[in-house]
């Protein structure tokens, strides 16, 4: 039964377009709402939304609606944005990294203000709200996940604002190094770093057949047989990672991982 549910979920994600082209991508929040209704046992989230593509106050309202409709199952991941060709294609301005980081911080402040105060006002360097309402107020409060590993700007914003943090596609040693820097930022502002939930995103290539295991010359994959993958995930767990998110290339990988690896952690 669970195997069938996984297959249907994979098909729902992989079959989002009738054209089937290599550049097909589903829009995040509409897809998320559909999946949340279909699979009510799961929490749902974004990894991560570009703050540039939606007005922050509108995003706060959309997220609050999803939280209400799903009985509190949303995790909202946001980032500064980076994909310049997509910005240009859709007509969004593409400012400097510094400005996009400032916009991200304004966005998080507006999300918090609208979810916690009625009415809410905030005057940031890039975004503002004045006597704005967000009703119903999300209950429980929506966790904010911030993704990225920029050591000076991004991790400082994570330390100030994030409930969850995500870093991706690296071996455990690199994740641990970034985590140490995040903890330094937390120490400087007097925040307990244990308040931030640690997550990892990676591409999964799992098979009992070594010939079927794929690896990437520049990007770290979680790759190997069940024993090798369990060992690597345990290393991430040992430094505090509690949630893993995987890019999964096919159903065979999904089933093998679920039956041979996930069951070990359950």
C-alpha atoms as a PDB file:
ATOM      1  CA  UNK A   1       0.000   0.000   0.000  1.00  0.00           C
ATOM      2  CA  UNK A   2       2.788   2.427   0.930  1.00  0.00           C
ATOM      3  CA  UNK A   3       4.717   1.448  -2.202  1.00  0.00           C
ATOM      4  CA  UNK A   4       1.661   2.355  -4.279  1.00  0.00           C
ATOM      5  CA  UNK A   5       1.291   5.709  -2.517  1.00  0.00           C
ATOM      6  CA  UNK A   6       4.920   6.539  -3.268  1.00  0.00           C
ATOM      7  CA  UNK A   7       4.424   5.649  -6.930  1.00  0.00           C
ATOM      8  CA  UNK A   8       1.375   7.883  -7.197  1.00  0.00           C
ATOM      9  CA  UNK A   9       3.192  10.753  -5.500  1.00  0.00           C
ATOM     10  CA  UNK A  10       6.180  10.379  -7.830  1.00  0.00           C
ATOM     11  CA  UNK A  11       3.887  10.284 -10.857  1.00  0.00           C
ATOM     12  CA  UNK A  12       2.070  13.401  -9.646  1.00  0.00           C
ATOM     13  CA  UNK A  13       5.349  15.288  -9.423  1.00  0.00           C
ATOM     14  CA  UNK A  14       6.906  13.907 -12.599  1.00  0.00           C
ATOM     15  CA  UNK A  15       3.815  14.216 -14.754  1.00  0.00           C
ATOM     16  CA  UNK A  16       3.078  17.879 -14.260  1.00  0.00           C
ATOM     17  CA  UNK A  17       3.004  18.780 -17.948  1.00  0.00           C
ATOM     18  CA  UNK A  18       1.407  17.256 -21.001  1.00  0.00           C
ATOM     19  CA  UNK A  19       4.388  18.325 -23.106  1.00  0.00           C
ATOM     20  CA  UNK A  20       6.886  16.315 -21.098  1.00  0.00           C
ATOM     21  CA  UNK A  21       9.755  18.623 -22.033  1.00  0.00           C
ATOM     22  CA  UNK A  22      13.099  18.798 -20.275  1.00  0.00           C
ATOM     23  CA  UNK A  23      12.332  22.309 -19.020  1.00  0.00           C
ATOM     24  CA  UNK A  24       8.949  21.474 -17.493  1.00  0.00           C
ATOM     25  CA  UNK A  25       8.585  22.703 -13.912  1.00  0.00           C
ATOM     26  CA  UNK A  26       5.498  22.875 -11.736  1.00  0.00           C
ATOM     27  CA  UNK A  27       4.716  26.114  -9.908  1.00  0.00           C
ATOM     28  CA  UNK A  28       5.512  25.509  -6.256  1.00  0.00           C
ATOM     29  CA  UNK A  29       2.591  26.779  -4.179  1.00  0.00           C
ATOM     30  CA  UNK A  30      -0.269  25.565  -6.387  1.00  0.00           C
ATOM     31  CA  UNK A  31       1.389  22.141  -6.619  1.00  0.00           C
ATOM     32  CA  UNK A  32       1.995  22.128  -2.875  1.00  0.00           C
ATOM     33  CA  UNK A  33      -1.673  22.798  -2.164  1.00  0.00           C
ATOM     34  CA  UNK A  34      -2.719  19.916  -4.412  1.00  0.00           C
ATOM     35  CA  UNK A  35      -0.261  17.486  -2.837  1.00  0.00           C
ATOM     36  CA  UNK A  36      -1.202  18.530   0.695  1.00  0.00           C
ATOM     37  CA  UNK A  37      -4.836  17.661  -0.049  1.00  0.00           C
ATOM     38  CA  UNK A  38      -3.926  14.343  -1.661  1.00  0.00           C
ATOM     39  CA  UNK A  39      -1.461  13.169   1.009  1.00  0.00           C
ATOM     40  CA  UNK A  40      -2.815  14.299   4.325  1.00  0.00           C
ATOM     41  CA  UNK A  41      -0.383  12.295   6.472  1.00  0.00           C
ATOM     42  CA  UNK A  42       2.590  14.368   5.264  1.00  0.00           C
ATOM     43  CA  UNK A  43       3.897  17.813   6.047  1.00  0.00           C
ATOM     44  CA  UNK A  44       4.594  19.907   2.953  1.00  0.00           C
ATOM     45  CA  UNK A  45       7.093  22.624   2.204  1.00  0.00           C
ATOM     46  CA  UNK A  46       9.101  24.613  -0.314  1.00  0.00           C
ATOM     47  CA  UNK A  47      12.850  24.358  -0.873  1.00  0.00           C
ATOM     48  CA  UNK A  48      13.052  27.216  -1.532  1.00  0.00           C
ATOM     49  CA  UNK A  49      10.867  29.999  -2.912  1.00  0.00           C
ATOM     50  CA  UNK A  50      12.661  32.981  -4.397  1.00  0.00           C
ATOM     51  CA  UNK A  51      11.552  35.995  -2.374  1.00  0.00           C
ATOM     52  CA  UNK A  52      11.570  38.104  -5.543  1.00  0.00           C
ATOM     53  CA  UNK A  53       8.709  36.340  -7.304  1.00  0.00           C
ATOM     54  CA  UNK A  54       5.886  37.130  -4.871  1.00  0.00           C
ATOM     55  CA  UNK A  55       5.153  40.259  -2.908  1.00  0.00           C
ATOM     56  CA  UNK A  56       6.077  39.395   0.709  1.00  0.00           C
ATOM     57  CA  UNK A  57       2.657  40.344   2.097  1.00  0.00           C
ATOM     58  CA  UNK A  58       0.920  38.228  -0.546  1.00  0.00           C
ATOM     59  CA  UNK A  59       3.260  35.331   0.250  1.00  0.00           C
ATOM     60  CA  UNK A  60       2.407  35.678   3.939  1.00  0.00           C
ATOM     61  CA  UNK A  61      -1.310  35.449   3.128  1.00  0.00           C
ATOM     62  CA  UNK A  62      -0.873  32.484   0.765  1.00  0.00           C
ATOM     63  CA  UNK A  63       1.180  30.625   3.355  1.00  0.00           C
ATOM     64  CA  UNK A  64      -1.342  31.372   6.094  1.00  0.00           C
ATOM     65  CA  UNK A  65      -4.126  29.991   3.882  1.00  0.00           C
ATOM     66  CA  UNK A  66      -2.189  26.775   3.235  1.00  0.00           C
ATOM     67  CA  UNK A  67      -1.488  26.437   6.949  1.00  0.00           C
ATOM     68  CA  UNK A  68      -5.185  26.785   7.744  1.00  0.00           C
ATOM     69  CA  UNK A  69      -6.322  24.377   5.013  1.00  0.00           C
ATOM     70  CA  UNK A  70      -3.752  21.722   5.941  1.00  0.00           C
ATOM     71  CA  UNK A  71      -4.283  21.907   9.720  1.00  0.00           C
ATOM     72  CA  UNK A  72      -0.771  23.180  10.327  1.00  0.00           C
ATOM     73  CA  UNK A  73       1.364  21.083   7.958  1.00  0.00           C
ATOM     74  CA  UNK A  74       3.340  23.800   6.127  1.00  0.00           C
ATOM     75  CA  UNK A  75       7.078  24.532   6.274  1.00  0.00           C
ATOM     76  CA  UNK A  76       7.861  27.667   4.273  1.00  0.00           C
ATOM     77  CA  UNK A  77      11.288  27.712   2.677  1.00  0.00           C
ATOM     78  CA  UNK A  78      12.509  31.022   1.244  1.00  0.00           C
ATOM     79  CA  UNK A  79      15.745  32.218  -0.299  1.00  0.00           C
ATOM     80  CA  UNK A  80      17.271  35.347  -1.789  1.00  0.00           C
ATOM     81  CA  UNK A  81      16.918  34.170  -5.395  1.00  0.00           C
ATOM     82  CA  UNK A  82      19.716  33.453  -7.850  1.00  0.00           C
ATOM     83  CA  UNK A  83      18.502  32.221 -11.261  1.00  0.00           C
ATOM     84  CA  UNK A  84      19.201  35.253 -13.420  1.00  0.00           C
ATOM     85  CA  UNK A  85      17.872  33.820 -16.686  1.00  0.00           C
ATOM     86  CA  UNK A  86      14.517  33.115 -15.034  1.00  0.00           C
ATOM     87  CA  UNK A  87      14.353  36.635 -13.602  1.00  0.00           C
ATOM     88  CA  UNK A  88      15.033  38.076 -17.054  1.00  0.00           C
ATOM     89  CA  UNK A  89      12.562  35.757 -18.793  1.00  0.00           C
ATOM     90  CA  UNK A  90       9.693  36.727 -16.500  1.00  0.00           C
ATOM     91  CA  UNK A  91      10.527  40.418 -16.332  1.00  0.00           C
ATOM     92  CA  UNK A  92      11.723  40.618 -12.730  1.00  0.00           C
ATOM     93  CA  UNK A  93      14.555  43.033 -11.881  1.00  0.00           C
ATOM     94  CA  UNK A  94      17.747  41.180 -10.951  1.00  0.00           C
ATOM     95  CA  UNK A  95      19.566  43.335  -8.389  1.00  0.00           C
ATOM     96  CA  UNK A  96      22.910  42.670  -6.742  1.00  0.00           C
ATOM     97  CA  UNK A  97      23.460  39.857  -4.254  1.00  0.00           C
ATOM     98  CA  UNK A  98      23.616  42.423  -1.463  1.00  0.00           C
ATOM     99  CA  UNK A  99      20.223  43.861  -2.425  1.00  0.00           C
ATOM    100  CA  UNK A 100      18.617  40.442  -2.798  1.00  0.00           C
ATOM    101  CA  UNK A 101      19.890  39.505   0.662  1.00  0.00           C
ATOM    102  CA  UNK A 102      18.352  42.686   2.048  1.00  0.00           C
ATOM    103  CA  UNK A 103      15.094  41.834   0.318  1.00  0.00           C
ATOM    104  CA  UNK A 104      15.162  38.367   1.868  1.00  0.00           C
ATOM    105  CA  UNK A 105      15.564  39.813   5.340  1.00  0.00           C
ATOM    106  CA  UNK A 106      12.703  42.277   4.737  1.00  0.00           C
ATOM    107  CA  UNK A 107      10.564  39.401   3.474  1.00  0.00           C
ATOM    108  CA  UNK A 108      11.101  37.324   6.611  1.00  0.00           C
ATOM    109  CA  UNK A 109      10.331  40.339   8.805  1.00  0.00           C
ATOM    110  CA  UNK A 110       7.069  40.941   6.929  1.00  0.00           C
ATOM    111  CA  UNK A 111       6.079  37.278   7.174  1.00  0.00           C
ATOM    112  CA  UNK A 112       6.612  37.328  10.936  1.00  0.00           C
ATOM    113  CA  UNK A 113       4.832  40.653  11.378  1.00  0.00           C
ATOM    114  CA  UNK A 114       1.731  39.589   9.465  1.00  0.00           C
ATOM    115  CA  UNK A 115       1.544  36.219  11.210  1.00  0.00           C
ATOM    116  CA  UNK A 116       1.929  37.706  14.677  1.00  0.00           C
ATOM    117  CA  UNK A 117       0.262  41.162  14.679  1.00  0.00           C
ATOM    118  CA  UNK A 118      -3.111  42.544  13.602  1.00  0.00           C
ATOM    119  CA  UNK A 119      -2.770  44.986  11.945  1.00  0.00           C
ATOM    120  CA  UNK A 120       0.907  44.756  11.028  1.00  0.00           C
ATOM    121  CA  UNK A 121       3.294  47.447   9.822  1.00  0.00           C
ATOM    122  CA  UNK A 122       6.915  47.164   8.746  1.00  0.00           C
ATOM    123  CA  UNK A 123       9.214  49.656   7.049  1.00  0.00           C
ATOM    124  CA  UNK A 124      12.183  47.946   5.463  1.00  0.00           C
ATOM    125  CA  UNK A 125      14.821  49.126   3.045  1.00  0.00           C
ATOM    126  CA  UNK A 126      13.115  47.263   0.168  1.00  0.00           C
ATOM    127  CA  UNK A 127       9.608  46.176   1.229  1.00  0.00           C
ATOM    128  CA  UNK A 128       6.980  47.847   3.401  1.00  0.00           C
ATOM    129  CA  UNK A 129       3.515  47.124   4.803  1.00  0.00           C
ATOM    130  CA  UNK A 130       1.170  49.507   6.595  1.00  0.00           C
ATOM    131  CA  UNK A 131      -1.731  48.405   8.795  1.00  0.00           C
ATOM    132  CA  UNK A 132      -2.010  45.112   6.929  1.00  0.00           C
ATOM    133  CA  UNK A 133      -4.075  42.108   8.043  1.00  0.00           C
ATOM    134  CA  UNK A 134      -3.465  38.390   7.593  1.00  0.00           C
ATOM    135  CA  UNK A 135      -6.522  36.490   8.794  1.00  0.00           C
ATOM    136  CA  UNK A 136      -6.793  33.722   9.745  1.00  0.00           C
ATOM    137  CA  UNK A 137      -3.532  33.974  11.611  1.00  0.00           C
ATOM    138  CA  UNK A 138      -1.524  30.757  11.069  1.00  0.00           C
ATOM    139  CA  UNK A 139      -1.815  28.316  13.936  1.00  0.00           C
ATOM    140  CA  UNK A 140       0.545  26.790  14.786  1.00  0.00           C
ATOM    141  CA  UNK A 141       3.147  29.303  13.651  1.00  0.00           C
ATOM    142  CA  UNK A 142       4.667  28.425  10.271  1.00  0.00           C
ATOM    143  CA  UNK A 143       8.329  27.381  10.465  1.00  0.00           C
ATOM    144  CA  UNK A 144      10.538  29.462   8.165  1.00  0.00           C
ATOM    145  CA  UNK A 145      13.330  27.584   6.440  1.00  0.00           C
ATOM    146  CA  UNK A 146      16.163  29.542   4.847  1.00  0.00           C
ATOM    147  CA  UNK A 147      18.434  27.785   2.401  1.00  0.00           C
ATOM    148  CA  UNK A 148      22.019  28.576   1.485  1.00  0.00           C
ATOM    149  CA  UNK A 149      25.576  28.525   2.662  1.00  0.00           C
ATOM    150  CA  UNK A 150      26.935  32.029   2.039  1.00  0.00           C
ATOM    151  CA  UNK A 151      29.177  32.467   5.040  1.00  0.00           C
ATOM    152  CA  UNK A 152      28.967  36.225   5.567  1.00  0.00           C
ATOM    153  CA  UNK A 153      25.413  37.150   4.540  1.00  0.00           C
ATOM    154  CA  UNK A 154      23.186  34.071   4.234  1.00  0.00           C
ATOM    155  CA  UNK A 155      24.270  32.288   7.400  1.00  0.00           C
ATOM    156  CA  UNK A 156      23.987  35.547   9.347  1.00  0.00           C
ATOM    157  CA  UNK A 157      20.352  35.876   8.177  1.00  0.00           C
ATOM    158  CA  UNK A 158      19.745  32.234   9.095  1.00  0.00           C
ATOM    159  CA  UNK A 159      21.100  32.916  12.578  1.00  0.00           C
ATOM    160  CA  UNK A 160      18.836  35.949  13.026  1.00  0.00           C
ATOM    161  CA  UNK A 161      15.616  34.614  11.553  1.00  0.00           C
ATOM    162  CA  UNK A 162      15.397  30.949  10.535  1.00  0.00           C
ATOM    163  CA  UNK A 163      13.572  28.150  12.312  1.00  0.00           C
ATOM    164  CA  UNK A 164      15.085  25.632   9.883  1.00  0.00           C
ATOM    165  CA  UNK A 165      18.246  25.744   7.754  1.00  0.00           C
ATOM    166  CA  UNK A 166      19.061  23.828   4.585  1.00  0.00           C
ATOM    167  CA  UNK A 167      22.379  23.274   2.866  1.00  0.00           C
ATOM    168  CA  UNK A 168      22.783  20.940  -0.069  1.00  0.00           C
ATOM    169  CA  UNK A 169      24.838  18.644  -2.265  1.00  0.00           C
ATOM    170  CA  UNK A 170      27.957  18.487  -0.108  1.00  0.00           C
ATOM    171  CA  UNK A 171      29.767  15.803   1.909  1.00  0.00           C
ATOM    172  CA  UNK A 172      29.293  15.739   5.648  1.00  0.00           C
ATOM    173  CA  UNK A 173      32.634  17.453   6.285  1.00  0.00           C
ATOM    174  CA  UNK A 174      31.592  20.547   4.307  1.00  0.00           C
ATOM    175  CA  UNK A 175      28.191  20.647   5.984  1.00  0.00           C
ATOM    176  CA  UNK A 176      29.892  20.499   9.385  1.00  0.00           C
ATOM    177  CA  UNK A 177      32.180  23.398   8.414  1.00  0.00           C
ATOM    178  CA  UNK A 178      29.203  25.561   7.379  1.00  0.00           C
ATOM    179  CA  UNK A 179      27.377  24.581  10.554  1.00  0.00           C
ATOM    180  CA  UNK A 180      30.303  25.756  12.654  1.00  0.00           C
ATOM    181  CA  UNK A 181      30.121  29.165  10.931  1.00  0.00           C
ATOM    182  CA  UNK A 182      26.352  29.321  11.501  1.00  0.00           C
ATOM    183  CA  UNK A 183      26.946  28.650  15.187  1.00  0.00           C
ATOM    184  CA  UNK A 184      29.477  31.486  15.306  1.00  0.00           C
ATOM    185  CA  UNK A 185      26.843  33.855  13.890  1.00  0.00           C
ATOM    186  CA  UNK A 186      24.376  32.628  16.519  1.00  0.00           C
ATOM    187  CA  UNK A 187      26.914  33.179  19.278  1.00  0.00           C
ATOM    188  CA  UNK A 188      27.501  36.777  18.161  1.00  0.00           C
ATOM    189  CA  UNK A 189      23.811  37.631  18.516  1.00  0.00           C
ATOM    190  CA  UNK A 190      23.161  35.528  21.612  1.00  0.00           C
ATOM    191  CA  UNK A 191      20.947  32.928  19.968  1.00  0.00           C
ATOM    192  CA  UNK A 192      20.981  29.253  20.886  1.00  0.00           C
ATOM    193  CA  UNK A 193      21.889  27.435  17.620  1.00  0.00           C
ATOM    194  CA  UNK A 194      19.967  24.376  18.807  1.00  0.00           C
ATOM    195  CA  UNK A 195      16.778  26.361  18.082  1.00  0.00           C
ATOM    196  CA  UNK A 196      17.486  25.936  14.340  1.00  0.00           C
ATOM    197  CA  UNK A 197      16.437  22.629  12.786  1.00  0.00           C
ATOM    198  CA  UNK A 198      19.094  21.286  10.413  1.00  0.00           C
ATOM    199  CA  UNK A 199      18.132  19.854   7.020  1.00  0.00           C
ATOM    200  CA  UNK A 200      20.027  18.508   4.024  1.00  0.00           C
ATOM    201  CA  UNK A 201      19.107  18.354   0.336  1.00  0.00           C
ATOM    202  CA  UNK A 202      20.884  15.929  -1.949  1.00  0.00           C
ATOM    203  CA  UNK A 203      20.551  13.926  -5.142  1.00  0.00           C
ATOM    204  CA  UNK A 204      19.961  10.251  -4.395  1.00  0.00           C
ATOM    205  CA  UNK A 205      21.408   7.371  -6.408  1.00  0.00           C
ATOM    206  CA  UNK A 206      20.716   4.118  -4.604  1.00  0.00           C
ATOM    207  CA  UNK A 207      21.003   0.584  -5.936  1.00  0.00           C
ATOM    208  CA  UNK A 208      22.305  -2.842  -4.964  1.00  0.00           C
ATOM    209  CA  UNK A 209      23.914  -2.944  -8.416  1.00  0.00           C
ATOM    210  CA  UNK A 210      27.088  -0.785  -8.510  1.00  0.00           C
ATOM    211  CA  UNK A 211      26.654  -0.309 -12.249  1.00  0.00           C
ATOM    212  CA  UNK A 212      23.371   1.517 -11.601  1.00  0.00           C
ATOM    213  CA  UNK A 213      24.820   3.959  -9.057  1.00  0.00           C
ATOM    214  CA  UNK A 214      25.461   7.420 -10.497  1.00  0.00           C
ATOM    215  CA  UNK A 215      27.958   9.936  -9.167  1.00  0.00           C
ATOM    216  CA  UNK A 216      28.710  13.501 -10.234  1.00  0.00           C
ATOM    217  CA  UNK A 217      32.218  14.911 -10.778  1.00  0.00           C
ATOM    218  CA  UNK A 218      31.405  18.311  -9.216  1.00  0.00           C
ATOM    219  CA  UNK A 219      28.286  17.795  -7.079  1.00  0.00           C
ATOM    220  CA  UNK A 220      28.140  15.412  -4.141  1.00  0.00           C
ATOM    221  CA  UNK A 221      25.498  12.687  -4.475  1.00  0.00           C
ATOM    222  CA  UNK A 222      24.135  10.475  -1.726  1.00  0.00           C
ATOM    223  CA  UNK A 223      25.098   7.365  -3.659  1.00  0.00           C
ATOM    224  CA  UNK A 224      25.768   3.684  -3.194  1.00  0.00           C
ATOM    225  CA  UNK A 225      24.106   0.568  -1.880  1.00  0.00           C
ATOM    226  CA  UNK A 226      21.833   0.532   1.160  1.00  0.00           C
ATOM    227  CA  UNK A 227      24.666   0.020   3.632  1.00  0.00           C
ATOM    228  CA  UNK A 228      26.756   2.857   2.188  1.00  0.00           C
ATOM    229  CA  UNK A 229      23.835   5.268   2.178  1.00  0.00           C
ATOM    230  CA  UNK A 230      22.786   4.372   5.719  1.00  0.00           C
ATOM    231  CA  UNK A 231      26.332   5.001   6.900  1.00  0.00           C
ATOM    232  CA  UNK A 232      26.505   8.437   5.258  1.00  0.00           C
ATOM    233  CA  UNK A 233      23.110   9.508   6.574  1.00  0.00           C
ATOM    234  CA  UNK A 234      24.124   8.415  10.071  1.00  0.00           C
ATOM    235  CA  UNK A 235      27.170  10.710   9.782  1.00  0.00           C
ATOM    236  CA  UNK A 236      24.864  13.633   8.983  1.00  0.00           C
ATOM    237  CA  UNK A 237      22.620  12.649  11.875  1.00  0.00           C
ATOM    238  CA  UNK A 238      25.615  12.629  14.200  1.00  0.00           C
ATOM    239  CA  UNK A 239      26.229  16.348  13.581  1.00  0.00           C
ATOM    240  CA  UNK A 240      22.576  17.214  14.138  1.00  0.00           C
ATOM    241  CA  UNK A 241      20.769  16.886  10.795  1.00  0.00           C
ATOM    242  CA  UNK A 242      17.189  15.731  11.395  1.00  0.00           C
ATOM    243  CA  UNK A 243      15.547  16.035   7.952  1.00  0.00           C
ATOM    244  CA  UNK A 244      16.734  14.842   4.538  1.00  0.00           C
ATOM    245  CA  UNK A 245      15.229  15.941   1.229  1.00  0.00           C
ATOM    246  CA  UNK A 246      16.225  14.073  -1.921  1.00  0.00           C
ATOM    247  CA  UNK A 247      16.087  14.583  -5.653  1.00  0.00           C
ATOM    248  CA  UNK A 248      15.099  11.110  -6.866  1.00  0.00           C
ATOM    249  CA  UNK A 249      15.754  10.214 -10.526  1.00  0.00           C
ATOM    250  CA  UNK A 250      13.355   7.266 -10.921  1.00  0.00           C
ATOM    251  CA  UNK A 251      10.880   4.995  -9.176  1.00  0.00           C
ATOM    252  CA  UNK A 252      13.378   2.152  -8.807  1.00  0.00           C
ATOM    253  CA  UNK A 253      15.602   4.377  -6.700  1.00  0.00           C
ATOM    254  CA  UNK A 254      12.612   5.551  -4.666  1.00  0.00           C
ATOM    255  CA  UNK A 255      11.433   2.022  -3.864  1.00  0.00           C
ATOM    256  CA  UNK A 256      14.921   0.722  -3.088  1.00  0.00           C
ATOM    257  CA  UNK A 257      15.590   3.611  -0.728  1.00  0.00           C
ATOM    258  CA  UNK A 258      12.227   3.282   0.998  1.00  0.00           C
ATOM    259  CA  UNK A 259      12.546  -0.457   1.554  1.00  0.00           C
ATOM    260  CA  UNK A 260      16.269  -0.799   2.248  1.00  0.00           C
ATOM    261  CA  UNK A 261      17.286   2.512   3.823  1.00  0.00           C
ATOM    262  CA  UNK A 262      14.304   4.453   5.214  1.00  0.00           C
ATOM    263  CA  UNK A 263      13.050   1.419   7.130  1.00  0.00           C
ATOM    264  CA  UNK A 264      16.375   1.320   8.987  1.00  0.00           C
ATOM    265  CA  UNK A 265      15.829   4.853  10.336  1.00  0.00           C
ATOM    266  CA  UNK A 266      12.198   4.250  11.209  1.00  0.00           C
END
